[in-house]
Amino acid sequence: MSMKCDFQDGWKVDYSGDLRIKHGDDVNVYITSGNIPSEFKNDLDSCDSCDSLKKLAQDITNKVGPHACLHE
């Protein structure tokens, strides 16, 4: 599954196995595929709209922090 979404409010989410979340200087998150929290992985893989991807990105940012870089 691969999806890239840019929103008018400045959020940018790119999921293509690895996950990148950006929102100005406030949020900059990068998580490799193997480090995405398990409670979000299935939802990301079955995401079918940019709106649902943004909601997941915000939930993940709340869990890992706004400046997370999780990689192997």
PDB file of N, CA and C in Angstrom:
ATOM      1  N   MET A   1       0.842  -1.176   0.000  1.00  0.00           N
ATOM      2  CA  MET A   1       0.000   0.000   0.000  1.00  0.00           C
ATOM      3  C   MET A   1       0.882   1.232   0.000  1.00  0.00           C
ATOM      4  N   SER A   2       0.526   2.179  -0.799  1.00  0.00           N
ATOM      5  CA  SER A   2       1.282   3.419  -0.871  1.00  0.00           C
ATOM      6  C   SER A   2       0.309   4.574  -1.030  1.00  0.00           C
ATOM      7  N   MET A   3       0.500   5.617  -0.212  1.00  0.00           N
ATOM      8  CA  MET A   3      -0.376   6.783  -0.296  1.00  0.00           C
ATOM      9  C   MET A   3       0.407   8.014   0.143  1.00  0.00           C
ATOM     10  N   LYS A   4       0.236   9.092  -0.599  1.00  0.00           N
ATOM     11  CA  LYS A   4       0.874  10.355  -0.256  1.00  0.00           C
ATOM     12  C   LYS A   4      -0.184  11.445  -0.294  1.00  0.00           C
ATOM     13  N   CYS A   5      -0.292  12.205   0.802  1.00  0.00           N
ATOM     14  CA  CYS A   5      -1.335  13.216   0.903  1.00  0.00           C
ATOM     15  C   CYS A   5      -0.753  14.519   1.443  1.00  0.00           C
ATOM     16  N   ASP A   6      -1.106  15.621   0.800  1.00  0.00           N
ATOM     17  CA  ASP A   6      -0.759  16.965   1.257  1.00  0.00           C
ATOM     18  C   ASP A   6      -2.073  17.690   1.547  1.00  0.00           C
ATOM     19  N   PHE A   7      -2.143  18.332   2.704  1.00  0.00           N
ATOM     20  CA  PHE A   7      -3.369  18.985   3.134  1.00  0.00           C
ATOM     21  C   PHE A   7      -3.185  20.493   3.178  1.00  0.00           C
ATOM     22  N   GLN A   8      -4.289  21.222   3.000  1.00  0.00           N
ATOM     23  CA  GLN A   8      -4.235  22.681   2.982  1.00  0.00           C
ATOM     24  C   GLN A   8      -3.778  23.261   4.315  1.00  0.00           C
ATOM     25  N   ASP A   9      -3.956  22.526   5.410  1.00  0.00           N
ATOM     26  CA  ASP A   9      -3.540  23.034   6.719  1.00  0.00           C
ATOM     27  C   ASP A   9      -2.068  22.762   7.016  1.00  0.00           C
ATOM     28  N   GLY A  10      -1.332  22.236   6.012  1.00  0.00           N
ATOM     29  CA  GLY A  10       0.103  22.055   6.165  1.00  0.00           C
ATOM     30  C   GLY A  10       0.549  20.644   6.498  1.00  0.00           C
ATOM     31  N   TRP A  11      -0.360  19.744   6.841  1.00  0.00           N
ATOM     32  CA  TRP A  11       0.012  18.356   7.118  1.00  0.00           C
ATOM     33  C   TRP A  11       0.423  17.680   5.821  1.00  0.00           C
ATOM     34  N   LYS A  12       1.467  16.856   5.894  1.00  0.00           N
ATOM     35  CA  LYS A  12       1.919  16.036   4.766  1.00  0.00           C
ATOM     36  C   LYS A  12       2.177  14.638   5.310  1.00  0.00           C
ATOM     37  N   VAL A  13       1.592  13.647   4.667  1.00  0.00           N
ATOM     38  CA  VAL A  13       1.748  12.267   5.106  1.00  0.00           C
ATOM     39  C   VAL A  13       2.108  11.425   3.895  1.00  0.00           C
ATOM     40  N   ASP A  14       3.162  10.640   4.037  1.00  0.00           N
ATOM     41  CA  ASP A  14       3.624   9.755   2.968  1.00  0.00           C
ATOM     42  C   ASP A  14       3.817   8.373   3.572  1.00  0.00           C
ATOM     43  N   TYR A  15       3.022   7.410   3.115  1.00  0.00           N
ATOM     44  CA  TYR A  15       3.141   6.042   3.604  1.00  0.00           C
ATOM     45  C   TYR A  15       3.352   5.120   2.420  1.00  0.00           C
ATOM     46  N   SER A  16       4.517   4.506   2.390  1.00  0.00           N
ATOM     47  CA  SER A  16       4.842   3.545   1.334  1.00  0.00           C
ATOM     48  C   SER A  16       5.638   2.396   1.954  1.00  0.00           C
ATOM     49  N   GLY A  17       5.165   1.918   3.079  1.00  0.00           N
ATOM     50  CA  GLY A  17       5.915   0.960   3.896  1.00  0.00           C
ATOM     51  C   GLY A  17       6.538   1.717   5.051  1.00  0.00           C
ATOM     52  N   ASP A  18       7.441   2.626   4.747  1.00  0.00           N
ATOM     53  CA  ASP A  18       7.937   3.579   5.737  1.00  0.00           C
ATOM     54  C   ASP A  18       6.917   4.712   5.837  1.00  0.00           C
ATOM     55  N   LEU A  19       6.935   5.416   6.953  1.00  0.00           N
ATOM     56  CA  LEU A  19       5.957   6.472   7.194  1.00  0.00           C
ATOM     57  C   LEU A  19       6.666   7.788   7.463  1.00  0.00           C
ATOM     58  N   ARG A  20       6.266   8.813   6.737  1.00  0.00           N
ATOM     59  CA  ARG A  20       6.777  10.167   6.959  1.00  0.00           C
ATOM     60  C   ARG A  20       5.596  11.080   7.241  1.00  0.00           C
ATOM     61  N   ILE A  21       5.711  11.857   8.334  1.00  0.00           N
ATOM     62  CA  ILE A  21       4.664  12.791   8.724  1.00  0.00           C
ATOM     63  C   ILE A  21       5.314  14.146   8.952  1.00  0.00           C
ATOM     64  N   LYS A  22       4.753  15.173   8.355  1.00  0.00           N
ATOM     65  CA  LYS A  22       5.324  16.523   8.472  1.00  0.00           C
ATOM     66  C   LYS A  22       4.187  17.511   8.668  1.00  0.00           C
ATOM     67  N   HIS A  23       4.407  18.474   9.555  1.00  0.00           N
ATOM     68  CA  HIS A  23       3.464  19.582   9.733  1.00  0.00           C
ATOM     69  C   HIS A  23       4.277  20.792  10.163  1.00  0.00           C
ATOM     70  N   GLY A  24       4.734  21.556   9.177  1.00  0.00           N
ATOM     71  CA  GLY A  24       5.574  22.724   9.453  1.00  0.00           C
ATOM     72  C   GLY A  24       6.794  22.344  10.274  1.00  0.00           C
ATOM     73  N   ASP A  25       7.140  23.188  11.235  1.00  0.00           N
ATOM     74  CA  ASP A  25       8.256  22.904  12.131  1.00  0.00           C
ATOM     75  C   ASP A  25       7.795  22.148  13.375  1.00  0.00           C
ATOM     76  N   ASP A  26       6.477  21.990  13.539  1.00  0.00           N
ATOM     77  CA  ASP A  26       5.933  21.383  14.749  1.00  0.00           C
ATOM     78  C   ASP A  26       6.022  19.866  14.753  1.00  0.00           C
ATOM     79  N   VAL A  27       5.912  19.254  13.584  1.00  0.00           N
ATOM     80  CA  VAL A  27       5.906  17.792  13.505  1.00  0.00           C
ATOM     81  C   VAL A  27       6.841  17.346  12.395  1.00  0.00           C
ATOM     82  N   ASN A  28       7.736  16.421  12.708  1.00  0.00           N
ATOM     83  CA  ASN A  28       8.616  15.810  11.726  1.00  0.00           C
ATOM     84  C   ASN A  28       8.889  14.393  12.212  1.00  0.00           C
ATOM     85  N   VAL A  29       8.157  13.432  11.667  1.00  0.00           N
ATOM     86  CA  VAL A  29       8.224  12.048  12.124  1.00  0.00           C
ATOM     87  C   VAL A  29       8.630  11.164  10.952  1.00  0.00           C
ATOM     88  N   TYR A  30       9.575  10.260  11.207  1.00  0.00           N
ATOM     89  CA  TYR A  30       9.965   9.243  10.222  1.00  0.00           C
ATOM     90  C   TYR A  30      10.045   7.909  10.946  1.00  0.00           C
ATOM     91  N   ILE A  31       9.307   6.926  10.435  1.00  0.00           N
ATOM     92  CA  ILE A  31       9.298   5.604  11.045  1.00  0.00           C
ATOM     93  C   ILE A  31       9.438   4.570   9.934  1.00  0.00           C
ATOM     94  N   THR A  32      10.452   3.709  10.039  1.00  0.00           N
ATOM     95  CA  THR A  32      10.600   2.648   9.055  1.00  0.00           C
ATOM     96  C   THR A  32       9.506   1.612   9.273  1.00  0.00           C
ATOM     97  N   SER A  33       9.233   0.857   8.257  1.00  0.00           N
ATOM     98  CA  SER A  33       8.132  -0.098   8.244  1.00  0.00           C
ATOM     99  C   SER A  33       8.124  -1.017   9.470  1.00  0.00           C
ATOM    100  N   GLY A  34       9.277  -1.550   9.829  1.00  0.00           N
ATOM    101  CA  GLY A  34       9.366  -2.495  10.938  1.00  0.00           C
ATOM    102  C   GLY A  34       9.205  -1.870  12.308  1.00  0.00           C
ATOM    103  N   ASN A  35       9.179  -0.548  12.394  1.00  0.00           N
ATOM    104  CA  ASN A  35       9.077   0.138  13.679  1.00  0.00           C
ATOM    105  C   ASN A  35       7.759   0.880  13.889  1.00  0.00           C
ATOM    106  N   ILE A  36       6.848   0.756  12.940  1.00  0.00           N
ATOM    107  CA  ILE A  36       5.535   1.377  13.110  1.00  0.00           C
ATOM    108  C   ILE A  36       4.814   0.643  14.236  1.00  0.00           C
ATOM    109  N   PRO A  37       4.268   1.367  15.210  1.00  0.00           N
ATOM    110  CA  PRO A  37       3.572   0.707  16.321  1.00  0.00           C
ATOM    111  C   PRO A  37       2.509  -0.264  15.798  1.00  0.00           C
ATOM    112  N   SER A  38       2.513  -1.477  16.347  1.00  0.00           N
ATOM    113  CA  SER A  38       1.663  -2.550  15.828  1.00  0.00           C
ATOM    114  C   SER A  38       0.180  -2.200  15.825  1.00  0.00           C
ATOM    115  N   GLU A  39      -0.256  -1.385  16.780  1.00  0.00           N
ATOM    116  CA  GLU A  39      -1.685  -1.050  16.820  1.00  0.00           C
ATOM    117  C   GLU A  39      -2.119  -0.168  15.647  1.00  0.00           C
ATOM    118  N   PHE A  40      -1.161   0.377  14.894  1.00  0.00           N
ATOM    119  CA  PHE A  40      -1.483   1.229  13.747  1.00  0.00           C
ATOM    120  C   PHE A  40      -1.180   0.574  12.404  1.00  0.00           C
ATOM    121  N   LYS A  41      -0.360  -0.446  12.383  1.00  0.00           N
ATOM    122  CA  LYS A  41       0.133  -1.030  11.128  1.00  0.00           C
ATOM    123  C   LYS A  41      -1.006  -1.514  10.221  1.00  0.00           C
ATOM    124  N   ASN A  42      -1.940  -2.304  10.754  1.00  0.00           N
ATOM    125  CA  ASN A  42      -3.039  -2.814   9.916  1.00  0.00           C
ATOM    126  C   ASN A  42      -3.909  -1.694   9.387  1.00  0.00           C
ATOM    127  N   ASP A  43      -4.170  -0.687  10.224  1.00  0.00           N
ATOM    128  CA  ASP A  43      -4.979   0.446   9.780  1.00  0.00           C
ATOM    129  C   ASP A  43      -4.281   1.210   8.655  1.00  0.00           C
ATOM    130  N   LEU A  44      -2.969   1.370   8.754  1.00  0.00           N
ATOM    131  CA  LEU A  44      -2.230   2.046   7.685  1.00  0.00           C
ATOM    132  C   LEU A  44      -2.318   1.245   6.386  1.00  0.00           C
ATOM    133  N   ASP A  45      -2.163  -0.067   6.492  1.00  0.00           N
ATOM    134  CA  ASP A  45      -2.181  -0.912   5.297  1.00  0.00           C
ATOM    135  C   ASP A  45      -3.547  -0.945   4.626  1.00  0.00           C
ATOM    136  N   SER A  46      -4.605  -0.697   5.386  1.00  0.00           N
ATOM    137  CA  SER A  46      -5.949  -0.741   4.804  1.00  0.00           C
ATOM    138  C   SER A  46      -6.559   0.647   4.616  1.00  0.00           C
ATOM    139  N   CYS A  47      -5.772   1.672   4.799  1.00  0.00           N
ATOM    140  CA  CYS A  47      -6.245   3.047   4.661  1.00  0.00           C
ATOM    141  C   CYS A  47      -6.761   3.273   3.240  1.00  0.00           C
ATOM    142  N   ASP A  48      -7.924   3.931   3.107  1.00  0.00           N
ATOM    143  CA  ASP A  48      -8.512   4.106   1.783  1.00  0.00           C
ATOM    144  C   ASP A  48      -8.785   5.560   1.409  1.00  0.00           C
ATOM    145  N   SER A  49      -8.352   6.493   2.262  1.00  0.00           N
ATOM    146  CA  SER A  49      -8.542   7.908   1.926  1.00  0.00           C
ATOM    147  C   SER A  49      -7.490   8.758   2.626  1.00  0.00           C
ATOM    148  N   CYS A  50      -7.268   9.927   2.094  1.00  0.00           N
ATOM    149  CA  CYS A  50      -6.310  10.846   2.714  1.00  0.00           C
ATOM    150  C   CYS A  50      -6.796  11.287   4.093  1.00  0.00           C
ATOM    151  N   ASP A  51      -8.104  11.450   4.248  1.00  0.00           N
ATOM    152  CA  ASP A  51      -8.627  11.867   5.550  1.00  0.00           C
ATOM    153  C   ASP A  51      -8.337  10.831   6.627  1.00  0.00           C
ATOM    154  N   SER A  52      -8.527   9.547   6.308  1.00  0.00           N
ATOM    155  CA  SER A  52      -8.241   8.507   7.300  1.00  0.00           C
ATOM    156  C   SER A  52      -6.735   8.391   7.546  1.00  0.00           C
ATOM    157  N   LEU A  53      -5.923   8.622   6.505  1.00  0.00           N
ATOM    158  CA  LEU A  53      -4.472   8.596   6.681  1.00  0.00           C
ATOM    159  C   LEU A  53      -4.016   9.731   7.595  1.00  0.00           C
ATOM    160  N   LYS A  54      -4.607  10.913   7.435  1.00  0.00           N
ATOM    161  CA  LYS A  54      -4.250  12.050   8.289  1.00  0.00           C
ATOM    162  C   LYS A  54      -4.609  11.769   9.743  1.00  0.00           C
ATOM    163  N   LYS A  55      -5.784  11.213   9.980  1.00  0.00           N
ATOM    164  CA  LYS A  55      -6.207  10.892  11.348  1.00  0.00           C
ATOM    165  C   LYS A  55      -5.237   9.899  11.982  1.00  0.00           C
ATOM    166  N   LEU A  56      -4.853   8.861  11.250  1.00  0.00           N
ATOM    167  CA  LEU A  56      -3.872   7.899  11.760  1.00  0.00           C
ATOM    168  C   LEU A  56      -2.531   8.575  12.027  1.00  0.00           C
ATOM    169  N   ALA A  57      -2.109   9.454  11.121  1.00  0.00           N
ATOM    170  CA  ALA A  57      -0.837  10.161  11.296  1.00  0.00           C
ATOM    171  C   ALA A  57      -0.850  10.997  12.567  1.00  0.00           C
ATOM    172  N   GLN A  58      -1.973  11.656  12.834  1.00  0.00           N
ATOM    173  CA  GLN A  58      -2.080  12.453  14.052  1.00  0.00           C
ATOM    174  C   GLN A  58      -2.057  11.559  15.299  1.00  0.00           C
ATOM    175  N   ASP A  59      -2.735  10.412  15.238  1.00  0.00           N
ATOM    176  CA  ASP A  59      -2.722   9.474  16.368  1.00  0.00           C
ATOM    177  C   ASP A  59      -1.317   8.929  16.609  1.00  0.00           C
ATOM    178  N   ILE A  60      -0.622   8.584  15.539  1.00  0.00           N
ATOM    179  CA  ILE A  60       0.749   8.070  15.666  1.00  0.00           C
ATOM    180  C   ILE A  60       1.667   9.145  16.231  1.00  0.00           C
ATOM    181  N   THR A  61       1.525  10.378  15.744  1.00  0.00           N
ATOM    182  CA  THR A  61       2.334  11.486  16.254  1.00  0.00           C
ATOM    183  C   THR A  61       2.098  11.683  17.745  1.00  0.00           C
ATOM    184  N   ASN A  62       0.850  11.575  18.185  1.00  0.00           N
ATOM    185  CA  ASN A  62       0.543  11.693  19.614  1.00  0.00           C
ATOM    186  C   ASN A  62       1.205  10.580  20.423  1.00  0.00           C
ATOM    187  N   LYS A  63       1.334   9.399  19.833  1.00  0.00           N
ATOM    188  CA  LYS A  63       1.944   8.273  20.550  1.00  0.00           C
ATOM    189  C   LYS A  63       3.470   8.367  20.592  1.00  0.00           C
ATOM    190  N   VAL A  64       4.106   8.650  19.461  1.00  0.00           N
ATOM    191  CA  VAL A  64       5.574   8.592  19.389  1.00  0.00           C
ATOM    192  C   VAL A  64       6.245   9.937  19.627  1.00  0.00           C
ATOM    193  N   GLY A  65       5.472  11.023  19.565  1.00  0.00           N
ATOM    194  CA  GLY A  65       6.043  12.351  19.740  1.00  0.00           C
ATOM    195  C   GLY A  65       6.192  13.055  18.406  1.00  0.00           C
ATOM    196  N   PRO A  66       6.267  14.389  18.423  1.00  0.00           N
ATOM    197  CA  PRO A  66       6.260  15.171  17.193  1.00  0.00           C
ATOM    198  C   PRO A  66       7.589  15.200  16.436  1.00  0.00           C
ATOM    199  N   HIS A  67       8.644  14.691  17.027  1.00  0.00           N
ATOM    200  CA  HIS A  67       9.944  14.720  16.353  1.00  0.00           C
ATOM    201  C   HIS A  67      10.628  13.357  16.442  1.00  0.00           C
ATOM    202  N   ALA A  68       9.864  12.311  16.172  1.00  0.00           N
ATOM    203  CA  ALA A  68      10.374  10.944  16.297  1.00  0.00           C
ATOM    204  C   ALA A  68      11.058  10.490  15.022  1.00  0.00           C
ATOM    205  N   CYS A  69      12.104   9.722  15.211  1.00  0.00           N
ATOM    206  CA  CYS A  69      12.775   9.051  14.094  1.00  0.00           C
ATOM    207  C   CYS A  69      13.051   7.627  14.572  1.00  0.00           C
ATOM    208  N   LEU A  70      12.207   6.704  14.140  1.00  0.00           N
ATOM    209  CA  LEU A  70      12.316   5.325  14.581  1.00  0.00           C
ATOM    210  C   LEU A  70      12.758   4.470  13.394  1.00  0.00           C
ATOM    211  N   HIS A  71      13.953   3.938  13.503  1.00  0.00           N
ATOM    212  CA  HIS A  71      14.493   3.117  12.412  1.00  0.00           C
ATOM    213  C   HIS A  71      15.356   2.027  13.002  1.00  0.00           C
ATOM    214  N   GLU A  72      15.683   1.060  12.166  1.00  0.00           N
ATOM    215  CA  GLU A  72      16.483  -0.080  12.626  1.00  0.00           C
ATOM    216  C   GLU A  72      17.946   0.225  12.605  1.00  0.00           C
TER     217      GLU A  72
END
